[in-house]
Amino acid sequence: MNWRDEWKPLSLIIAVFLGCYYLPVGTERFNNAILEAFHLVKWYAQEHVILCLIPAFFIAGAVGVFVSQASVMKYLGPKANKVLAYGVASVSGTILAVCSCTVLPLFASIYFRGAGLGPASAFLYSGPAINILAIVLTARVLGPELGIARAVGAVSFSIIIGVLMHLFFIKEEREKADAQVVMPDDGVKRPLWQNALYFASMVAILVFANWGKPAGDTGVWSALYDAKWLLTSLSAIALSVILVAWFGVKAWKVVSSVIIVTALALLFPGQPLLPFIAGVIALSIITTTETGETTEWFSSSWDFAKKILPLLLFGVLIAGALLGRVGHEGLIPSQWVASMVGGNSLWANFFASFAGAFMYFATLTEVPILQGLIGSGMGKGPALALLLAGPALSLPNMLVIRSIMGTRKTVVFVSLVIVMSTFSGMLYGAFFG
């Protein structure tokens, strides 16, 4: 036996054994952390998988099938017009309004279709970071200067991070650009405006179904929230018409599905998830029983779900054990976090960025969390640092990014977000602290 080859498995066995031997089962904090892990993953499954991830998987699958690789390379590839590519990617979050996990299928779809690392990274950051409703809520609850700083920081961050990712891995990007020269155009089956309306209907379903409740009961945001399910239904009807008119789906299948979904909505007006789930099932059945490109659409969507969903749920489970839910304790005491983000020191800003990067924030939840932390003594600089790092990253998000673009690129991307958030917080705190 050669122990030079066996020391690694032996070390792993010893580490696992010691972990089991000293497992703190029975202690209040450990037991509570385990419960928090399952509470958080249950909440995530109830609130985000059906309304957020499933529509995102269908959109990602559609990008993989109905958007030609040549088109992605033309507008977002390594040789694309940089102003156009980074401009579109940097403001995408104002339309999508998704969290750090929901953006992942969309990021994977454009990245695998040939988007350059720079524009793809800009999109990955901006998707959850530049949520217009969250920025408005930040300005109203935490102050206009913090809301403006968050908006300016998020847009500029997405562009800077994208450019730096491109420069750090420029050799790989040049190889991708060289491959583009010999890549044939895979053709377009329908006009651009038809594909645009098709994607717009699905994005509208994703956005309106997840429209968060604003702070006040009046105004445009409140009116949109009150009408969210009506707007979601109208978007779904538009998608149904498009599938029949332009994709050749049999009308009787779509009409039957619409009747069933409408009946459930009328019978259970207080449970909008029921007709939504019925609509998802109906769309899945329709796309799998048709032939041709709609079947490819479902297969592509299912492929993204298989790759991404298990990693997300595992990451949420670990995040729940470490940090717990909002207002609850995990293994890491919340007072530790609150005590380390006071003032405007380098450490306070770095800790806020680092902790925010690993925490999971559902859309809009970062604002009340920060409100509580500021009330406990958090400095304004660290508050901005957390706002710039937290919504764009999370532990589940990192696990999936690594599976898409590898360990090195993930480490660089996460490091850029944390470092830039840290120094932006220090700069903001020096002027407004």
Protein backbone atom coordinates (compact mmCIF):
# COMPACT_ATOMS: atom_id res chain seq x y z
CA MET A 1 0.00 0.00 0.00
CA ASN A 2 1.33 3.43 -0.98
CA TRP A 3 0.36 5.90 1.77
CA ARG A 4 1.32 8.81 -0.47
CA ASP A 5 -1.82 7.98 -2.46
CA GLU A 6 -3.98 7.05 0.52
CA TRP A 7 -3.50 10.03 2.85
CA LYS A 8 -6.25 12.08 1.18
CA PRO A 9 -9.06 9.52 1.61
CA LEU A 10 -7.75 8.76 5.13
CA SER A 11 -7.86 12.46 6.04
CA LEU A 12 -11.40 12.72 4.69
CA ILE A 13 -12.54 9.69 6.68
CA ILE A 14 -10.96 11.06 9.88
CA ALA A 15 -12.55 14.49 9.33
CA VAL A 16 -16.01 12.98 8.78
CA PHE A 17 -15.59 10.73 11.82
CA LEU A 18 -14.56 13.60 14.09
CA GLY A 19 -17.48 15.66 12.77
CA CYS A 20 -19.88 12.84 13.63
CA TYR A 21 -18.18 12.15 16.98
CA TYR A 22 -18.45 15.76 18.17
CA LEU A 23 -21.75 16.54 16.45
CA PRO A 24 -23.50 18.96 18.85
CA VAL A 25 -26.86 17.19 18.68
CA GLY A 26 -29.02 18.21 21.61
CA THR A 27 -27.69 21.74 21.99
CA GLU A 28 -30.34 24.41 21.50
CA ARG A 29 -28.50 26.38 18.82
CA PHE A 30 -27.66 23.34 16.70
CA ASN A 31 -31.15 21.88 16.93
CA ASN A 32 -32.65 25.28 16.07
CA ALA A 33 -30.25 25.66 13.11
CA ILE A 34 -31.38 22.33 11.66
CA LEU A 35 -35.01 23.41 11.99
CA GLU A 36 -34.21 26.77 10.40
CA ALA A 37 -32.59 24.99 7.45
CA PHE A 38 -35.78 23.06 6.75
CA HIS A 39 -38.00 26.08 7.46
CA LEU A 40 -36.07 28.13 4.91
CA VAL A 41 -36.02 25.46 2.22
CA LYS A 42 -39.78 24.91 2.76
CA TRP A 43 -40.42 28.65 2.44
CA TYR A 44 -38.23 28.80 -0.67
CA ALA A 45 -40.08 25.89 -2.26
CA GLN A 46 -43.46 27.47 -1.50
CA GLU A 47 -42.65 31.06 -2.49
CA HIS A 48 -40.06 30.85 -5.26
CA VAL A 49 -39.98 27.54 -7.11
CA ILE A 50 -43.48 27.66 -8.62
CA LEU A 51 -43.83 31.38 -9.34
CA CYS A 52 -40.18 32.29 -9.99
CA LEU A 53 -38.08 29.36 -11.10
CA ILE A 54 -40.55 27.46 -13.27
CA PRO A 55 -41.32 30.49 -15.50
CA ALA A 56 -37.58 31.23 -15.59
CA PHE A 57 -36.84 27.65 -16.70
CA PHE A 58 -39.37 27.96 -19.55
CA ILE A 59 -37.84 31.29 -20.63
CA ALA A 60 -34.33 29.84 -20.46
CA GLY A 61 -35.43 26.81 -22.48
CA ALA A 62 -37.02 29.09 -25.07
CA VAL A 63 -33.78 31.05 -25.42
CA GLY A 64 -31.95 27.79 -26.03
CA VAL A 65 -34.35 26.72 -28.79
CA PHE A 66 -35.89 29.79 -30.40
CA VAL A 67 -33.01 32.27 -30.24
CA SER A 68 -30.34 31.39 -32.75
CA GLN A 69 -26.79 31.05 -31.52
CA ALA A 70 -25.70 33.42 -34.26
CA SER A 71 -28.05 36.10 -32.89
CA VAL A 72 -26.71 35.73 -29.35
CA MET A 73 -23.15 35.93 -30.64
CA LYS A 74 -24.02 38.95 -32.77
CA TYR A 75 -25.47 41.03 -29.93
CA LEU A 76 -23.81 39.60 -26.80
CA GLY A 77 -20.85 37.60 -28.10
CA PRO A 78 -17.14 38.46 -27.74
CA LYS A 79 -17.15 40.38 -31.05
CA ALA A 80 -20.45 42.19 -30.44
CA ASN A 81 -20.73 45.96 -30.21
CA LYS A 82 -19.56 46.61 -26.64
CA VAL A 83 -21.78 49.61 -26.01
CA LEU A 84 -24.89 47.70 -27.09
CA ALA A 85 -23.94 44.45 -25.30
CA TYR A 86 -23.07 46.01 -21.94
CA GLY A 87 -25.82 48.60 -22.20
CA VAL A 88 -28.54 45.97 -22.59
CA ALA A 89 -27.05 43.65 -19.96
CA SER A 90 -26.56 46.40 -17.38
CA VAL A 91 -30.21 47.52 -17.28
CA SER A 92 -31.89 44.13 -17.72
CA GLY A 93 -32.83 43.96 -14.06
CA THR A 94 -35.18 46.91 -14.35
CA ILE A 95 -37.40 44.69 -16.53
CA LEU A 96 -36.91 41.27 -14.95
CA ALA A 97 -37.06 42.11 -11.21
CA VAL A 98 -35.78 38.67 -10.21
CA CYS A 99 -33.78 37.36 -7.25
CA SER A 100 -30.23 35.97 -7.30
CA CYS A 101 -31.54 32.44 -7.94
CA THR A 102 -34.24 33.14 -10.53
CA VAL A 103 -31.73 34.88 -12.79
CA LEU A 104 -29.57 31.73 -13.02
CA PRO A 105 -31.51 29.79 -15.70
CA LEU A 106 -31.61 32.95 -17.83
CA PHE A 107 -27.88 33.52 -17.36
CA ALA A 108 -27.11 29.88 -18.20
CA SER A 109 -29.19 30.03 -21.38
CA ILE A 110 -27.43 33.06 -22.89
CA TYR A 111 -23.99 31.87 -21.71
CA PHE A 112 -24.37 28.43 -23.26
CA ARG A 113 -25.68 30.02 -26.48
CA GLY A 114 -22.42 31.90 -26.91
CA ALA A 115 -22.76 35.21 -25.05
CA GLY A 116 -19.41 36.74 -24.12
CA LEU A 117 -18.29 36.35 -20.53
CA GLY A 118 -18.37 40.11 -20.00
CA PRO A 119 -21.97 40.80 -21.09
CA ALA A 120 -23.14 37.54 -19.49
CA SER A 121 -21.52 38.53 -16.16
CA ALA A 122 -23.04 42.01 -16.41
CA PHE A 123 -26.45 40.40 -16.92
CA LEU A 124 -25.84 37.97 -14.02
CA TYR A 125 -25.18 40.87 -11.64
CA SER A 126 -27.75 43.33 -12.95
CA GLY A 127 -30.66 40.87 -13.12
CA PRO A 128 -31.30 40.79 -9.35
CA ALA A 129 -29.42 43.99 -8.40
CA ILE A 130 -31.27 46.61 -10.50
CA ASN A 131 -34.82 45.89 -9.43
CA ILE A 132 -36.63 49.18 -9.97
CA LEU A 133 -39.23 48.46 -7.29
CA ALA A 134 -36.53 47.54 -4.75
CA ILE A 135 -34.62 50.73 -5.52
CA VAL A 136 -37.76 52.85 -5.07
CA LEU A 137 -38.55 51.03 -1.81
CA THR A 138 -34.97 51.60 -0.63
CA ALA A 139 -35.30 55.33 -1.29
CA ARG A 140 -38.63 55.56 0.52
CA VAL A 141 -37.74 53.47 3.57
CA LEU A 142 -33.99 54.04 4.00
CA GLY A 143 -33.64 57.50 2.48
CA PRO A 144 -33.33 58.96 -1.03
CA GLU A 145 -29.52 59.22 -0.92
CA LEU A 146 -29.19 55.49 -0.21
CA GLY A 147 -31.70 54.65 -2.96
CA ILE A 148 -29.82 56.81 -5.50
CA ALA A 149 -26.47 55.36 -4.42
CA ARG A 150 -27.85 51.84 -4.82
CA ALA A 151 -29.17 52.56 -8.33
CA VAL A 152 -25.96 54.25 -9.53
CA GLY A 153 -23.78 51.60 -7.89
CA ALA A 154 -25.74 48.66 -9.31
CA VAL A 155 -25.69 49.93 -12.92
CA SER A 156 -22.02 50.89 -12.82
CA PHE A 157 -21.08 47.66 -11.01
CA SER A 158 -22.65 45.51 -13.70
CA ILE A 159 -20.65 47.22 -16.45
CA ILE A 160 -17.36 47.31 -14.53
CA ILE A 161 -17.65 43.69 -13.40
CA GLY A 162 -18.49 42.58 -16.93
CA VAL A 163 -15.51 44.44 -18.42
CA LEU A 164 -13.12 43.10 -15.77
CA MET A 165 -14.35 39.53 -16.24
CA HIS A 166 -13.71 39.92 -19.96
CA LEU A 167 -10.19 41.27 -19.37
CA PHE A 168 -9.27 38.64 -16.77
CA PHE A 169 -10.24 35.81 -19.13
CA ILE A 170 -9.47 37.56 -22.42
CA LYS A 171 -7.58 34.57 -23.84
CA GLU A 172 -10.69 32.36 -23.61
CA GLU A 173 -12.80 35.17 -24.99
CA ARG A 174 -10.52 35.53 -28.01
CA GLU A 175 -10.80 31.79 -28.65
CA LYS A 176 -14.58 32.10 -28.54
CA ALA A 177 -14.42 35.06 -30.92
CA ASP A 178 -12.26 33.05 -33.35
CA ALA A 179 -14.79 30.21 -33.25
CA GLN A 180 -17.52 32.71 -34.14
CA VAL A 181 -15.84 33.41 -37.48
CA VAL A 182 -16.51 29.88 -38.75
CA MET A 183 -19.87 29.40 -37.04
CA PRO A 184 -22.75 29.19 -39.54
CA ASP A 185 -25.99 31.02 -38.95
CA ASP A 186 -28.52 28.44 -37.75
CA GLY A 187 -31.42 30.23 -39.37
CA VAL A 188 -34.55 32.00 -38.12
CA LYS A 189 -37.96 30.40 -38.45
CA ARG A 190 -40.06 33.49 -37.70
CA PRO A 191 -39.63 37.28 -37.70
CA LEU A 192 -37.86 38.99 -34.83
CA TRP A 193 -40.99 40.86 -33.73
CA GLN A 194 -42.89 37.57 -33.26
CA ASN A 195 -40.12 36.12 -31.10
CA ALA A 196 -39.98 39.41 -29.18
CA LEU A 197 -43.71 39.25 -28.34
CA TYR A 198 -43.37 35.57 -27.43
CA PHE A 199 -40.61 36.31 -24.92
CA ALA A 200 -42.36 39.44 -23.68
CA SER A 201 -45.46 37.42 -22.74
CA MET A 202 -43.37 34.96 -20.69
CA VAL A 203 -41.35 37.72 -19.01
CA ALA A 204 -44.62 39.48 -18.15
CA ILE A 205 -45.91 36.29 -16.48
CA LEU A 206 -42.69 36.04 -14.45
CA VAL A 207 -42.73 39.72 -13.42
CA PHE A 208 -46.41 40.14 -12.57
CA ALA A 209 -46.79 36.80 -10.78
CA ASN A 210 -43.97 37.85 -8.44
CA TRP A 211 -44.88 41.51 -8.04
CA GLY A 212 -44.11 42.42 -4.44
CA LYS A 213 -46.41 44.37 -2.15
CA PRO A 214 -45.22 48.01 -1.86
CA ALA A 215 -44.90 49.88 1.41
CA GLY A 216 -47.95 52.09 0.83
CA ASP A 217 -51.53 51.33 -0.18
CA THR A 218 -51.79 54.00 -2.86
CA GLY A 219 -49.95 54.90 -6.07
CA VAL A 220 -48.92 53.09 -9.23
CA TRP A 221 -46.99 50.30 -7.50
CA SER A 222 -49.94 49.49 -5.25
CA ALA A 223 -52.35 49.49 -8.22
CA LEU A 224 -50.08 47.08 -10.09
CA TYR A 225 -49.90 44.84 -7.03
CA ASP A 226 -53.70 44.77 -6.73
CA ALA A 227 -53.99 43.82 -10.42
CA LYS A 228 -51.02 41.40 -10.49
CA TRP A 229 -53.06 38.23 -11.11
CA LEU A 230 -55.25 39.90 -13.74
CA LEU A 231 -52.10 41.06 -15.54
CA THR A 232 -50.58 37.59 -15.18
CA SER A 233 -53.71 36.06 -16.68
CA LEU A 234 -53.71 38.47 -19.62
CA SER A 235 -50.05 37.67 -20.26
CA ALA A 236 -50.83 33.94 -20.18
CA ILE A 237 -53.68 34.43 -22.67
CA ALA A 238 -51.32 36.34 -24.95
CA LEU A 239 -48.83 33.44 -24.75
CA SER A 240 -51.63 30.99 -25.59
CA VAL A 241 -52.63 32.94 -28.69
CA ILE A 242 -49.00 33.16 -29.80
CA LEU A 243 -48.48 29.41 -29.42
CA VAL A 244 -51.48 28.68 -31.64
CA ALA A 245 -50.89 31.40 -34.21
CA TRP A 246 -47.12 31.23 -34.69
CA PHE A 247 -45.95 27.91 -33.25
CA GLY A 248 -48.56 25.61 -34.72
CA VAL A 249 -49.88 24.27 -31.39
CA LYS A 250 -53.34 22.68 -31.79
CA ALA A 251 -56.04 25.15 -30.77
CA TRP A 252 -58.21 22.57 -28.95
CA LYS A 253 -55.37 21.79 -26.54
CA VAL A 254 -54.86 25.45 -25.68
CA VAL A 255 -58.59 26.19 -25.38
CA SER A 256 -59.11 23.16 -23.10
CA SER A 257 -56.25 24.33 -20.88
CA VAL A 258 -57.61 27.87 -20.70
CA ILE A 259 -61.05 26.57 -19.69
CA ILE A 260 -59.58 24.43 -16.88
CA VAL A 261 -57.36 27.22 -15.56
CA THR A 262 -60.22 29.75 -15.70
CA ALA A 263 -62.56 27.36 -13.86
CA LEU A 264 -60.02 26.88 -11.07
CA ALA A 265 -59.51 30.65 -10.80
CA LEU A 266 -63.27 31.19 -10.44
CA LEU A 267 -63.80 28.30 -8.02
CA PHE A 268 -60.83 29.20 -5.80
CA PRO A 269 -60.43 32.98 -6.06
CA GLY A 270 -58.34 33.16 -2.90
CA GLN A 271 -55.81 30.55 -4.05
CA PRO A 272 -54.13 31.86 -7.20
CA LEU A 273 -51.43 29.19 -7.00
CA LEU A 274 -53.93 26.50 -8.03
CA PRO A 275 -54.72 27.91 -11.51
CA PHE A 276 -51.06 28.89 -11.91
CA ILE A 277 -49.91 25.31 -11.25
CA ALA A 278 -52.65 24.00 -13.55
CA GLY A 279 -51.38 26.34 -16.27
CA VAL A 280 -47.80 25.09 -15.82
CA ILE A 281 -48.95 21.45 -16.02
CA ALA A 282 -51.07 22.21 -19.10
CA LEU A 283 -48.16 23.95 -20.84
CA SER A 284 -45.90 21.00 -20.01
CA ILE A 285 -48.39 18.52 -21.44
CA ILE A 286 -48.95 20.60 -24.57
CA THR A 287 -45.25 21.03 -25.30
CA THR A 288 -44.44 17.36 -24.72
CA THR A 289 -47.32 15.99 -26.81
CA GLU A 290 -46.63 18.25 -29.79
CA THR A 291 -43.86 17.53 -32.27
CA GLY A 292 -40.96 19.65 -33.42
CA GLU A 293 -39.69 22.82 -31.79
CA THR A 294 -42.20 22.95 -28.90
CA THR A 295 -41.00 19.55 -27.71
CA GLU A 296 -37.42 20.83 -27.95
CA TRP A 297 -38.53 23.83 -25.86
CA PHE A 298 -39.74 21.61 -23.01
CA SER A 299 -36.66 19.37 -23.22
CA SER A 300 -34.37 22.39 -22.98
CA SER A 301 -36.33 23.80 -20.03
CA TRP A 302 -36.27 20.43 -18.27
CA ASP A 303 -32.52 20.19 -18.80
CA PHE A 304 -31.99 23.52 -17.02
CA ALA A 305 -34.28 22.42 -14.18
CA LYS A 306 -32.34 19.18 -13.66
CA LYS A 307 -29.03 21.00 -13.50
CA ILE A 308 -29.98 24.01 -11.40
CA LEU A 309 -32.83 23.16 -9.01
CA PRO A 310 -31.05 20.50 -6.86
CA LEU A 311 -28.06 22.80 -6.30
CA LEU A 312 -30.34 25.70 -5.39
CA LEU A 313 -32.32 23.72 -2.84
CA PHE A 314 -29.12 22.34 -1.29
CA GLY A 315 -27.66 25.85 -1.08
CA VAL A 316 -30.81 27.23 0.54
CA LEU A 317 -30.70 24.40 3.08
CA ILE A 318 -27.10 25.25 4.05
CA ALA A 319 -27.83 28.99 4.14
CA GLY A 320 -30.78 28.35 6.45
CA ALA A 321 -28.64 26.31 8.83
CA LEU A 322 -25.94 28.98 9.00
CA LEU A 323 -27.99 32.19 9.09
CA GLY A 324 -31.63 31.17 9.63
CA ARG A 325 -34.63 33.05 8.34
CA VAL A 326 -35.32 36.74 8.85
CA GLY A 327 -35.85 37.26 12.58
CA HIS A 328 -34.66 33.75 13.49
CA GLU A 329 -31.32 32.35 14.58
CA GLY A 330 -29.09 29.89 12.75
CA LEU A 331 -25.67 28.62 13.77
CA ILE A 332 -24.26 32.15 13.37
CA PRO A 333 -25.86 34.49 15.97
CA SER A 334 -27.49 37.52 14.40
CA GLN A 335 -26.02 39.82 17.07
CA TRP A 336 -22.56 38.94 15.77
CA VAL A 337 -23.55 40.32 12.39
CA ALA A 338 -25.12 43.45 13.87
CA SER A 339 -22.11 44.17 16.11
CA MET A 340 -19.60 43.92 13.24
CA VAL A 341 -21.17 46.41 10.82
CA GLY A 342 -21.15 49.58 12.91
CA GLY A 343 -19.18 52.61 11.77
CA ASN A 344 -17.45 52.92 8.42
CA SER A 345 -14.23 50.96 8.82
CA LEU A 346 -12.74 48.72 6.14
CA TRP A 347 -13.64 45.68 8.23
CA ALA A 348 -17.26 46.76 8.76
CA ASN A 349 -17.79 47.32 5.04
CA PHE A 350 -15.98 44.12 4.08
CA PHE A 351 -17.98 42.07 6.58
CA ALA A 352 -21.27 43.57 5.34
CA SER A 353 -20.32 42.73 1.74
CA PHE A 354 -19.07 39.25 2.58
CA ALA A 355 -22.03 38.34 4.79
CA GLY A 356 -24.49 39.80 2.28
CA ALA A 357 -22.90 37.81 -0.55
CA PHE A 358 -23.57 34.51 1.23
CA MET A 359 -27.03 35.32 2.61
CA TYR A 360 -30.13 34.66 0.53
CA PHE A 361 -32.39 37.67 -0.04
CA ALA A 362 -35.75 37.20 -1.71
CA THR A 363 -36.78 40.18 -3.83
CA LEU A 364 -37.46 43.27 -1.64
CA THR A 365 -36.64 41.49 1.67
CA GLU A 366 -33.23 43.19 1.91
CA VAL A 367 -34.90 46.54 2.70
CA PRO A 368 -36.68 45.57 5.95
CA ILE A 369 -33.63 43.53 7.00
CA LEU A 370 -31.40 46.57 6.55
CA GLN A 371 -33.93 48.77 8.33
CA GLY A 372 -33.60 46.52 11.38
CA LEU A 373 -29.79 46.41 11.16
CA ILE A 374 -29.53 50.21 10.84
CA GLY A 375 -31.75 50.48 13.89
CA SER A 376 -29.27 48.21 15.70
CA GLY A 377 -26.33 50.49 14.86
CA MET A 378 -25.30 49.54 11.32
CA GLY A 379 -23.37 52.28 9.53
CA LYS A 380 -24.63 53.77 6.25
CA GLY A 381 -21.51 52.64 4.39
CA PRO A 382 -21.90 48.97 5.33
CA ALA A 383 -25.63 49.29 4.56
CA LEU A 384 -24.84 50.27 0.95
CA ALA A 385 -22.16 47.54 0.76
CA LEU A 386 -24.74 44.94 1.75
CA LEU A 387 -27.29 46.35 -0.71
CA LEU A 388 -24.80 46.06 -3.57
CA ALA A 389 -23.54 42.57 -2.72
CA GLY A 390 -26.51 40.85 -1.08
CA PRO A 391 -29.32 40.80 -3.68
CA ALA A 392 -26.91 39.86 -6.51
CA LEU A 393 -25.27 36.90 -4.74
CA SER A 394 -26.11 34.10 -2.35
CA LEU A 395 -24.65 30.73 -1.40
CA PRO A 396 -27.17 28.84 -3.61
CA ASN A 397 -26.39 31.28 -6.42
CA MET A 398 -22.63 30.61 -6.14
CA LEU A 399 -23.05 26.84 -6.27
CA VAL A 400 -24.98 27.07 -9.53
CA ILE A 401 -22.65 29.68 -11.09
CA ARG A 402 -19.72 27.34 -10.42
CA SER A 403 -21.50 24.51 -12.25
CA ILE A 404 -22.06 26.81 -15.25
CA MET A 405 -18.75 28.63 -15.73
CA GLY A 406 -16.29 26.84 -13.47
CA THR A 407 -14.54 27.51 -10.17
CA ARG A 408 -12.01 30.13 -11.33
CA LYS A 409 -14.54 32.41 -13.01
CA THR A 410 -16.94 32.06 -10.08
CA VAL A 411 -14.26 33.00 -7.54
CA VAL A 412 -13.26 36.04 -9.61
CA PHE A 413 -16.89 37.14 -10.09
CA VAL A 414 -17.75 36.80 -6.38
CA SER A 415 -14.50 38.51 -5.34
CA LEU A 416 -15.17 41.45 -7.65
CA VAL A 417 -18.65 41.94 -6.20
CA ILE A 418 -17.39 41.79 -2.60
CA VAL A 419 -14.35 44.05 -3.13
CA MET A 420 -16.24 46.66 -5.14
CA SER A 421 -19.12 46.68 -2.64
CA THR A 422 -16.65 47.13 0.22
CA PHE A 423 -14.92 50.18 -1.24
CA SER A 424 -18.19 51.68 -2.49
CA GLY A 425 -19.56 51.40 1.05
CA MET A 426 -16.48 53.09 2.49
CA LEU A 427 -16.72 55.93 -0.05
CA TYR A 428 -20.44 56.43 0.57
CA GLY A 429 -19.98 56.28 4.33
CA ALA A 430 -17.22 58.91 4.20
CA PHE A 431 -19.64 61.43 2.63
CA PHE A 432 -23.00 60.47 4.16
CA GLY A 433 -22.06 58.58 7.33
